[in-house]
Amino acid sequence: MANHKSSIKRARQTIVRTERNRAEKSRFKTARKAVLAAVAAGDKEGAAKASTVLSSYVDKAAKRNLIHPNKAANIKSKTSKAIAAIA
């Protein structure tokens, strides 16, 4: 357990940030699943709408260093390819 006043505060902040980061990551993973589900169902319009939401969440996660910027680009690229593959 932390003994100094500053280390006690730092421990509190870490808990809050961890929860926030976990929620942010979960949000974009859920959005990604929504896009893939729409693609699997063949719903091009729904997939496109879900893709814009996913793109926003992924960009925010990359900006906050939750994921690497290249991973964000890969995720967006793969989902756009999947949407384009729908006939």
PDB file of N, CA and C in Angstrom:
ATOM      1  N   MET A   1       0.848  -1.184   0.000  1.00  0.00           N
ATOM      2  CA  MET A   1       0.000   0.000   0.000  1.00  0.00           C
ATOM      3  C   MET A   1       0.884   1.234   0.000  1.00  0.00           C
ATOM      4  N   ALA A   2       0.420   2.284  -0.667  1.00  0.00           N
ATOM      5  CA  ALA A   2       1.157   3.537  -0.761  1.00  0.00           C
ATOM      6  C   ALA A   2       1.173   4.239   0.597  1.00  0.00           C
ATOM      7  N   ASN A   3       2.300   4.874   0.875  1.00  0.00           N
ATOM      8  CA  ASN A   3       2.450   5.558   2.160  1.00  0.00           C
ATOM      9  C   ASN A   3       2.413   7.076   2.028  1.00  0.00           C
ATOM     10  N   HIS A   4       3.005   7.594   0.975  1.00  0.00           N
ATOM     11  CA  HIS A   4       3.050   9.049   0.805  1.00  0.00           C
ATOM     12  C   HIS A   4       1.743   9.557   0.204  1.00  0.00           C
ATOM     13  N   LYS A   5       1.470  10.819   0.514  1.00  0.00           N
ATOM     14  CA  LYS A   5       0.241  11.432   0.037  1.00  0.00           C
ATOM     15  C   LYS A   5       0.175  11.411  -1.494  1.00  0.00           C
ATOM     16  N   SER A   6       1.304  11.714  -2.137  1.00  0.00           N
ATOM     17  CA  SER A   6       1.322  11.760  -3.595  1.00  0.00           C
ATOM     18  C   SER A   6       1.164  10.371  -4.207  1.00  0.00           C
ATOM     19  N   SER A   7       1.733   9.362  -3.570  1.00  0.00           N
ATOM     20  CA  SER A   7       1.607   8.012  -4.118  1.00  0.00           C
ATOM     21  C   SER A   7       0.200   7.447  -3.896  1.00  0.00           C
ATOM     22  N   ILE A   8      -0.470   7.880  -2.832  1.00  0.00           N
ATOM     23  CA  ILE A   8      -1.864   7.486  -2.612  1.00  0.00           C
ATOM     24  C   ILE A   8      -2.737   8.061  -3.725  1.00  0.00           C
ATOM     25  N   LYS A   9      -2.502   9.336  -4.038  1.00  0.00           N
ATOM     26  CA  LYS A   9      -3.248   9.988  -5.111  1.00  0.00           C
ATOM     27  C   LYS A   9      -2.960   9.320  -6.446  1.00  0.00           C
ATOM     28  N   ARG A  10      -1.699   9.003  -6.687  1.00  0.00           N
ATOM     29  CA  ARG A  10      -1.303   8.361  -7.946  1.00  0.00           C
ATOM     30  C   ARG A  10      -2.006   7.002  -8.095  1.00  0.00           C
ATOM     31  N   ALA A  11      -2.128   6.276  -7.007  1.00  0.00           N
ATOM     32  CA  ALA A  11      -2.816   4.979  -7.043  1.00  0.00           C
ATOM     33  C   ALA A  11      -4.296   5.164  -7.380  1.00  0.00           C
ATOM     34  N   ARG A  12      -4.922   6.200  -6.808  1.00  0.00           N
ATOM     35  CA  ARG A  12      -6.325   6.501  -7.120  1.00  0.00           C
ATOM     36  C   ARG A  12      -6.483   6.836  -8.595  1.00  0.00           C
ATOM     37  N   GLN A  13      -5.583   7.680  -9.101  1.00  0.00           N
ATOM     38  CA  GLN A  13      -5.664   8.098 -10.503  1.00  0.00           C
ATOM     39  C   GLN A  13      -5.489   6.908 -11.439  1.00  0.00           C
ATOM     40  N   THR A  14      -4.605   5.995 -11.076  1.00  0.00           N
ATOM     41  CA  THR A  14      -4.362   4.823 -11.902  1.00  0.00           C
ATOM     42  C   THR A  14      -5.615   3.975 -12.030  1.00  0.00           C
ATOM     43  N   ILE A  15      -6.334   3.813 -10.939  1.00  0.00           N
ATOM     44  CA  ILE A  15      -7.568   3.027 -10.960  1.00  0.00           C
ATOM     45  C   ILE A  15      -8.595   3.668 -11.892  1.00  0.00           C
ATOM     46  N   VAL A  16      -8.746   4.972 -11.779  1.00  0.00           N
ATOM     47  CA  VAL A  16      -9.717   5.691 -12.611  1.00  0.00           C
ATOM     48  C   VAL A  16      -9.336   5.592 -14.083  1.00  0.00           C
ATOM     49  N   ARG A  17      -8.060   5.803 -14.379  1.00  0.00           N
ATOM     50  CA  ARG A  17      -7.606   5.752 -15.772  1.00  0.00           C
ATOM     51  C   ARG A  17      -7.736   4.353 -16.361  1.00  0.00           C
ATOM     52  N   THR A  18      -7.446   3.347 -15.555  1.00  0.00           N
ATOM     53  CA  THR A  18      -7.559   1.970 -16.024  1.00  0.00           C
ATOM     54  C   THR A  18      -8.993   1.654 -16.410  1.00  0.00           C
ATOM     55  N   GLU A  19      -9.944   2.062 -15.584  1.00  0.00           N
ATOM     56  CA  GLU A  19     -11.356   1.826 -15.887  1.00  0.00           C
ATOM     57  C   GLU A  19     -11.772   2.562 -17.154  1.00  0.00           C
ATOM     58  N   ARG A  20     -11.319   3.799 -17.289  1.00  0.00           N
ATOM     59  CA  ARG A  20     -11.663   4.597 -18.469  1.00  0.00           C
ATOM     60  C   ARG A  20     -11.097   3.951 -19.733  1.00  0.00           C
ATOM     61  N   ASN A  21      -9.845   3.510 -19.660  1.00  0.00           N
ATOM     62  CA  ASN A  21      -9.211   2.884 -20.818  1.00  0.00           C
ATOM     63  C   ASN A  21      -9.892   1.574 -21.171  1.00  0.00           C
ATOM     64  N   ARG A  22     -10.262   0.798 -20.157  1.00  0.00           N
ATOM     65  CA  ARG A  22     -10.936  -0.468 -20.401  1.00  0.00           C
ATOM     66  C   ARG A  22     -12.272  -0.240 -21.089  1.00  0.00           C
ATOM     67  N   ALA A  23     -13.010   0.774 -20.654  1.00  0.00           N
ATOM     68  CA  ALA A  23     -14.301   1.088 -21.263  1.00  0.00           C
ATOM     69  C   ALA A  23     -14.121   1.537 -22.710  1.00  0.00           C
ATOM     70  N   GLU A  24     -13.104   2.342 -22.958  1.00  0.00           N
ATOM     71  CA  GLU A  24     -12.835   2.847 -24.309  1.00  0.00           C
ATOM     72  C   GLU A  24     -12.482   1.699 -25.259  1.00  0.00           C
ATOM     73  N   LYS A  25     -11.639   0.783 -24.789  1.00  0.00           N
ATOM     74  CA  LYS A  25     -11.267  -0.367 -25.614  1.00  0.00           C
ATOM     75  C   LYS A  25     -12.473  -1.255 -25.884  1.00  0.00           C
ATOM     76  N   SER A  26     -13.282  -1.464 -24.866  1.00  0.00           N
ATOM     77  CA  SER A  26     -14.470  -2.285 -25.008  1.00  0.00           C
ATOM     78  C   SER A  26     -15.428  -1.659 -26.020  1.00  0.00           C
ATOM     79  N   ARG A  27     -15.527  -0.342 -25.998  1.00  0.00           N
ATOM     80  CA  ARG A  27     -16.425   0.372 -26.906  1.00  0.00           C
ATOM     81  C   ARG A  27     -16.039   0.120 -28.363  1.00  0.00           C
ATOM     82  N   PHE A  28     -14.737   0.208 -28.670  1.00  0.00           N
ATOM     83  CA  PHE A  28     -14.385   0.029 -30.076  1.00  0.00           C
ATOM     84  C   PHE A  28     -14.403  -1.436 -30.483  1.00  0.00           C
ATOM     85  N   LYS A  29     -14.189  -2.347 -29.532  1.00  0.00           N
ATOM     86  CA  LYS A  29     -14.297  -3.772 -29.860  1.00  0.00           C
ATOM     87  C   LYS A  29     -15.754  -4.134 -30.165  1.00  0.00           C
ATOM     88  N   THR A  30     -16.683  -3.562 -29.406  1.00  0.00           N
ATOM     89  CA  THR A  30     -18.102  -3.802 -29.637  1.00  0.00           C
ATOM     90  C   THR A  30     -18.527  -3.237 -30.986  1.00  0.00           C
ATOM     91  N   ALA A  31     -18.031  -2.055 -31.316  1.00  0.00           N
ATOM     92  CA  ALA A  31     -18.345  -1.440 -32.612  1.00  0.00           C
ATOM     93  C   ALA A  31     -17.794  -2.291 -33.751  1.00  0.00           C
ATOM     94  N   ARG A  32     -16.625  -2.860 -33.553  1.00  0.00           N
ATOM     95  CA  ARG A  32     -16.008  -3.716 -34.570  1.00  0.00           C
ATOM     96  C   ARG A  32     -16.875  -4.966 -34.795  1.00  0.00           C
ATOM     97  N   LYS A  33     -17.370  -5.549 -33.697  1.00  0.00           N
ATOM     98  CA  LYS A  33     -18.234  -6.722 -33.814  1.00  0.00           C
ATOM     99  C   LYS A  33     -19.526  -6.368 -34.547  1.00  0.00           C
ATOM    100  N   ALA A  34     -20.045  -5.170 -34.332  1.00  0.00           N
ATOM    101  CA  ALA A  34     -21.272  -4.737 -35.009  1.00  0.00           C
ATOM    102  C   ALA A  34     -21.053  -4.647 -36.517  1.00  0.00           C
ATOM    103  N   VAL A  35     -19.889  -4.124 -36.916  1.00  0.00           N
ATOM    104  CA  VAL A  35     -19.573  -4.026 -38.342  1.00  0.00           C
ATOM    105  C   VAL A  35     -19.477  -5.422 -38.947  1.00  0.00           C
ATOM    106  N   LEU A  36     -18.747  -6.302 -38.283  1.00  0.00           N
ATOM    107  CA  LEU A  36     -18.564  -7.651 -38.813  1.00  0.00           C
ATOM    108  C   LEU A  36     -19.879  -8.426 -38.864  1.00  0.00           C
ATOM    109  N   ALA A  37     -20.755  -8.191 -37.899  1.00  0.00           N
ATOM    110  CA  ALA A  37     -22.066  -8.841 -37.907  1.00  0.00           C
ATOM    111  C   ALA A  37     -22.898  -8.348 -39.081  1.00  0.00           C
ATOM    112  N   ALA A  38     -22.838  -7.045 -39.362  1.00  0.00           N
ATOM    113  CA  ALA A  38     -23.585  -6.481 -40.492  1.00  0.00           C
ATOM    114  C   ALA A  38     -23.037  -7.012 -41.813  1.00  0.00           C
ATOM    115  N   VAL A  39     -21.707  -7.163 -41.881  1.00  0.00           N
ATOM    116  CA  VAL A  39     -21.085  -7.713 -43.092  1.00  0.00           C
ATOM    117  C   VAL A  39     -21.528  -9.163 -43.282  1.00  0.00           C
ATOM    118  N   ALA A  40     -21.520  -9.926 -42.204  1.00  0.00           N
ATOM    119  CA  ALA A  40     -21.926 -11.333 -42.282  1.00  0.00           C
ATOM    120  C   ALA A  40     -23.388 -11.466 -42.711  1.00  0.00           C
ATOM    121  N   ALA A  41     -24.211 -10.508 -42.304  1.00  0.00           N
ATOM    122  CA  ALA A  41     -25.623 -10.535 -42.672  1.00  0.00           C
ATOM    123  C   ALA A  41     -25.857 -10.001 -44.081  1.00  0.00           C
ATOM    124  N   GLY A  42     -24.836  -9.382 -44.673  1.00  0.00           N
ATOM    125  CA  GLY A  42     -24.960  -8.830 -46.022  1.00  0.00           C
ATOM    126  C   GLY A  42     -25.625  -7.474 -46.059  1.00  0.00           C
ATOM    127  N   ASP A  43     -25.696  -6.806 -44.935  1.00  0.00           N
ATOM    128  CA  ASP A  43     -26.331  -5.486 -44.834  1.00  0.00           C
ATOM    129  C   ASP A  43     -25.288  -4.401 -45.091  1.00  0.00           C
ATOM    130  N   LYS A  44     -25.208  -3.945 -46.334  1.00  0.00           N
ATOM    131  CA  LYS A  44     -24.160  -2.991 -46.700  1.00  0.00           C
ATOM    132  C   LYS A  44     -24.388  -1.620 -46.058  1.00  0.00           C
ATOM    133  N   GLU A  45     -25.633  -1.168 -46.020  1.00  0.00           N
ATOM    134  CA  GLU A  45     -25.930   0.138 -45.411  1.00  0.00           C
ATOM    135  C   GLU A  45     -25.637   0.132 -43.916  1.00  0.00           C
ATOM    136  N   GLY A  46     -26.091  -0.897 -43.254  1.00  0.00           N
ATOM    137  CA  GLY A  46     -25.854  -1.014 -41.811  1.00  0.00           C
ATOM    138  C   GLY A  46     -24.373  -1.119 -41.490  1.00  0.00           C
ATOM    139  N   ALA A  47     -23.654  -1.851 -42.332  1.00  0.00           N
ATOM    140  CA  ALA A  47     -22.217  -1.997 -42.136  1.00  0.00           C
ATOM    141  C   ALA A  47     -21.506  -0.665 -42.336  1.00  0.00           C
ATOM    142  N   ALA A  48     -21.952   0.112 -43.306  1.00  0.00           N
ATOM    143  CA  ALA A  48     -21.337   1.414 -43.569  1.00  0.00           C
ATOM    144  C   ALA A  48     -21.561   2.375 -42.399  1.00  0.00           C
ATOM    145  N   LYS A  49     -22.776   2.360 -41.862  1.00  0.00           N
ATOM    146  CA  LYS A  49     -23.071   3.221 -40.706  1.00  0.00           C
ATOM    147  C   LYS A  49     -22.254   2.799 -39.493  1.00  0.00           C
ATOM    148  N   ALA A  50     -22.205   1.490 -39.262  1.00  0.00           N
ATOM    149  CA  ALA A  50     -21.432   0.981 -38.132  1.00  0.00           C
ATOM    150  C   ALA A  50     -19.945   1.251 -38.322  1.00  0.00           C
ATOM    151  N   SER A  51     -19.510   1.277 -39.572  1.00  0.00           N
ATOM    152  CA  SER A  51     -18.102   1.530 -39.876  1.00  0.00           C
ATOM    153  C   SER A  51     -17.699   2.967 -39.530  1.00  0.00           C
ATOM    154  N   THR A  52     -18.595   3.913 -39.760  1.00  0.00           N
ATOM    155  CA  THR A  52     -18.271   5.298 -39.405  1.00  0.00           C
ATOM    156  C   THR A  52     -18.136   5.454 -37.893  1.00  0.00           C
ATOM    157  N   VAL A  53     -18.998   4.759 -37.163  1.00  0.00           N
ATOM    158  CA  VAL A  53     -18.923   4.781 -35.695  1.00  0.00           C
ATOM    159  C   VAL A  53     -17.618   4.139 -35.243  1.00  0.00           C
ATOM    160  N   LEU A  54     -17.300   2.992 -35.833  1.00  0.00           N
ATOM    161  CA  LEU A  54     -16.068   2.280 -35.493  1.00  0.00           C
ATOM    162  C   LEU A  54     -14.850   3.145 -35.781  1.00  0.00           C
ATOM    163  N   SER A  55     -14.852   3.806 -36.920  1.00  0.00           N
ATOM    164  CA  SER A  55     -13.722   4.655 -37.306  1.00  0.00           C
ATOM    165  C   SER A  55     -13.473   5.745 -36.261  1.00  0.00           C
ATOM    166  N   SER A  56     -14.557   6.333 -35.780  1.00  0.00           N
ATOM    167  CA  SER A  56     -14.444   7.373 -34.759  1.00  0.00           C
ATOM    168  C   SER A  56     -13.849   6.829 -33.473  1.00  0.00           C
ATOM    169  N   TYR A  57     -14.368   5.682 -33.018  1.00  0.00           N
ATOM    170  CA  TYR A  57     -13.878   5.089 -31.770  1.00  0.00           C
ATOM    171  C   TYR A  57     -12.420   4.666 -31.877  1.00  0.00           C
ATOM    172  N   VAL A  58     -12.053   4.098 -33.025  1.00  0.00           N
ATOM    173  CA  VAL A  58     -10.683   3.621 -33.218  1.00  0.00           C
ATOM    174  C   VAL A  58      -9.720   4.805 -33.246  1.00  0.00           C
ATOM    175  N   ASP A  59     -10.117   5.882 -33.925  1.00  0.00           N
ATOM    176  CA  ASP A  59      -9.256   7.066 -33.975  1.00  0.00           C
ATOM    177  C   ASP A  59      -9.050   7.663 -32.588  1.00  0.00           C
ATOM    178  N   LYS A  60     -10.102   7.690 -31.792  1.00  0.00           N
ATOM    179  CA  LYS A  60      -9.984   8.215 -30.433  1.00  0.00           C
ATOM    180  C   LYS A  60      -9.071   7.330 -29.584  1.00  0.00           C
ATOM    181  N   ALA A  61      -9.202   6.020 -29.747  1.00  0.00           N
ATOM    182  CA  ALA A  61      -8.357   5.093 -28.993  1.00  0.00           C
ATOM    183  C   ALA A  61      -6.890   5.254 -29.388  1.00  0.00           C
ATOM    184  N   ALA A  62      -6.643   5.466 -30.670  1.00  0.00           N
ATOM    185  CA  ALA A  62      -5.265   5.653 -31.137  1.00  0.00           C
ATOM    186  C   ALA A  62      -4.707   6.983 -30.645  1.00  0.00           C
ATOM    187  N   LYS A  63      -5.560   7.993 -30.624  1.00  0.00           N
ATOM    188  CA  LYS A  63      -5.117   9.315 -30.170  1.00  0.00           C
ATOM    189  C   LYS A  63      -4.740   9.287 -28.690  1.00  0.00           C
ATOM    190  N   ARG A  64      -5.445   8.457 -27.924  1.00  0.00           N
ATOM    191  CA  ARG A  64      -5.182   8.355 -26.485  1.00  0.00           C
ATOM    192  C   ARG A  64      -4.176   7.267 -26.140  1.00  0.00           C
ATOM    193  N   ASN A  65      -3.519   6.711 -27.169  1.00  0.00           N
ATOM    194  CA  ASN A  65      -2.488   5.686 -27.002  1.00  0.00           C
ATOM    195  C   ASN A  65      -3.012   4.403 -26.369  1.00  0.00           C
ATOM    196  N   LEU A  66      -4.275   4.086 -26.579  1.00  0.00           N
ATOM    197  CA  LEU A  66      -4.803   2.811 -26.114  1.00  0.00           C
ATOM    198  C   LEU A  66      -4.416   1.705 -27.089  1.00  0.00           C
ATOM    199  N   ILE A  67      -4.359   2.067 -28.365  1.00  0.00           N
ATOM    200  CA  ILE A  67      -3.869   1.149 -29.383  1.00  0.00           C
ATOM    201  C   ILE A  67      -2.875   1.911 -30.249  1.00  0.00           C
ATOM    202  N   HIS A  68      -2.036   1.193 -30.950  1.00  0.00           N
ATOM    203  CA  HIS A  68      -1.032   1.808 -31.819  1.00  0.00           C
ATOM    204  C   HIS A  68      -1.736   2.413 -33.041  1.00  0.00           C
ATOM    205  N   PRO A  69      -1.258   3.542 -33.533  1.00  0.00           N
ATOM    206  CA  PRO A  69      -1.889   4.158 -34.715  1.00  0.00           C
ATOM    207  C   PRO A  69      -1.927   3.232 -35.933  1.00  0.00           C
ATOM    208  N   ASN A  70      -0.910   2.394 -36.093  1.00  0.00           N
ATOM    209  CA  ASN A  70      -0.920   1.455 -37.223  1.00  0.00           C
ATOM    210  C   ASN A  70      -2.011   0.404 -37.043  1.00  0.00           C
ATOM    211  N   LYS A  71      -2.242  -0.022 -35.817  1.00  0.00           N
ATOM    212  CA  LYS A  71      -3.320  -0.989 -35.556  1.00  0.00           C
ATOM    213  C   LYS A  71      -4.665  -0.357 -35.888  1.00  0.00           C
ATOM    214  N   ALA A  72      -4.819   0.917 -35.556  1.00  0.00           N
ATOM    215  CA  ALA A  72      -6.060   1.622 -35.881  1.00  0.00           C
ATOM    216  C   ALA A  72      -6.258   1.648 -37.394  1.00  0.00           C
ATOM    217  N   ALA A  73      -5.200   1.922 -38.128  1.00  0.00           N
ATOM    218  CA  ALA A  73      -5.288   1.952 -39.588  1.00  0.00           C
ATOM    219  C   ALA A  73      -5.624   0.573 -40.138  1.00  0.00           C
ATOM    220  N   ASN A  74      -5.026  -0.468 -39.549  1.00  0.00           N
ATOM    221  CA  ASN A  74      -5.304  -1.834 -39.997  1.00  0.00           C
ATOM    222  C   ASN A  74      -6.761  -2.212 -39.763  1.00  0.00           C
ATOM    223  N   ILE A  75      -7.285  -1.839 -38.608  1.00  0.00           N
ATOM    224  CA  ILE A  75      -8.681  -2.158 -38.287  1.00  0.00           C
ATOM    225  C   ILE A  75      -9.614  -1.478 -39.279  1.00  0.00           C
ATOM    226  N   LYS A  76      -9.383  -0.198 -39.543  1.00  0.00           N
ATOM    227  CA  LYS A  76     -10.240   0.540 -40.468  1.00  0.00           C
ATOM    228  C   LYS A  76     -10.128  -0.019 -41.883  1.00  0.00           C
ATOM    229  N   SER A  77      -8.919  -0.403 -42.269  1.00  0.00           N
ATOM    230  CA  SER A  77      -8.716  -0.954 -43.608  1.00  0.00           C
ATOM    231  C   SER A  77      -9.429  -2.280 -43.779  1.00  0.00           C
ATOM    232  N   LYS A  78      -9.300  -3.159 -42.794  1.00  0.00           N
ATOM    233  CA  LYS A  78      -9.917  -4.481 -42.883  1.00  0.00           C
ATOM    234  C   LYS A  78     -11.440  -4.376 -42.926  1.00  0.00           C
ATOM    235  N   THR A  79     -12.009  -3.472 -42.134  1.00  0.00           N
ATOM    236  CA  THR A  79     -13.466  -3.351 -42.130  1.00  0.00           C
ATOM    237  C   THR A  79     -13.958  -2.745 -43.453  1.00  0.00           C
ATOM    238  N   SER A  80     -13.218  -1.780 -43.990  1.00  0.00           N
ATOM    239  CA  SER A  80     -13.647  -1.194 -45.264  1.00  0.00           C
ATOM    240  C   SER A  80     -13.535  -2.210 -46.396  1.00  0.00           C
ATOM    241  N   LYS A  81     -12.518  -3.074 -46.351  1.00  0.00           N
ATOM    242  CA  LYS A  81     -12.387  -4.137 -47.356  1.00  0.00           C
ATOM    243  C   LYS A  81     -13.547  -5.120 -47.241  1.00  0.00           C
ATOM    244  N   ALA A  82     -13.917  -5.454 -46.023  1.00  0.00           N
ATOM    245  CA  ALA A  82     -15.018  -6.391 -45.808  1.00  0.00           C
ATOM    246  C   ALA A  82     -16.335  -5.799 -46.321  1.00  0.00           C
ATOM    247  N   ILE A  83     -16.531  -4.508 -46.116  1.00  0.00           N
ATOM    248  CA  ILE A  83     -17.752  -3.850 -46.582  1.00  0.00           C
ATOM    249  C   ILE A  83     -17.766  -3.807 -48.107  1.00  0.00           C
ATOM    250  N   ALA A  84     -16.608  -3.527 -48.709  1.00  0.00           N
ATOM    251  CA  ALA A  84     -16.518  -3.462 -50.161  1.00  0.00           C
ATOM    252  C   ALA A  84     -16.754  -4.834 -50.801  1.00  0.00           C
ATOM    253  N   ALA A  85     -16.459  -5.888 -50.073  1.00  0.00           N
ATOM    254  CA  ALA A  85     -16.618  -7.240 -50.605  1.00  0.00           C
ATOM    255  C   ALA A  85     -18.078  -7.683 -50.675  1.00  0.00           C
ATOM    256  N   ILE A  86     -18.962  -6.962 -49.986  1.00  0.00           N
ATOM    257  CA  ILE A  86     -20.384  -7.301 -50.042  1.00  0.00           C
ATOM    258  C   ILE A  86     -20.888  -6.955 -51.437  1.00  0.00           C
ATOM    259  N   ALA A  87     -21.506  -7.921 -52.093  1.00  0.00           N
ATOM    260  CA  ALA A  87     -21.957  -7.702 -53.464  1.00  0.00           C
ATOM    261  C   ALA A  87     -23.291  -6.991 -53.498  1.00  0.00           C
TER     262      ALA A  87
END
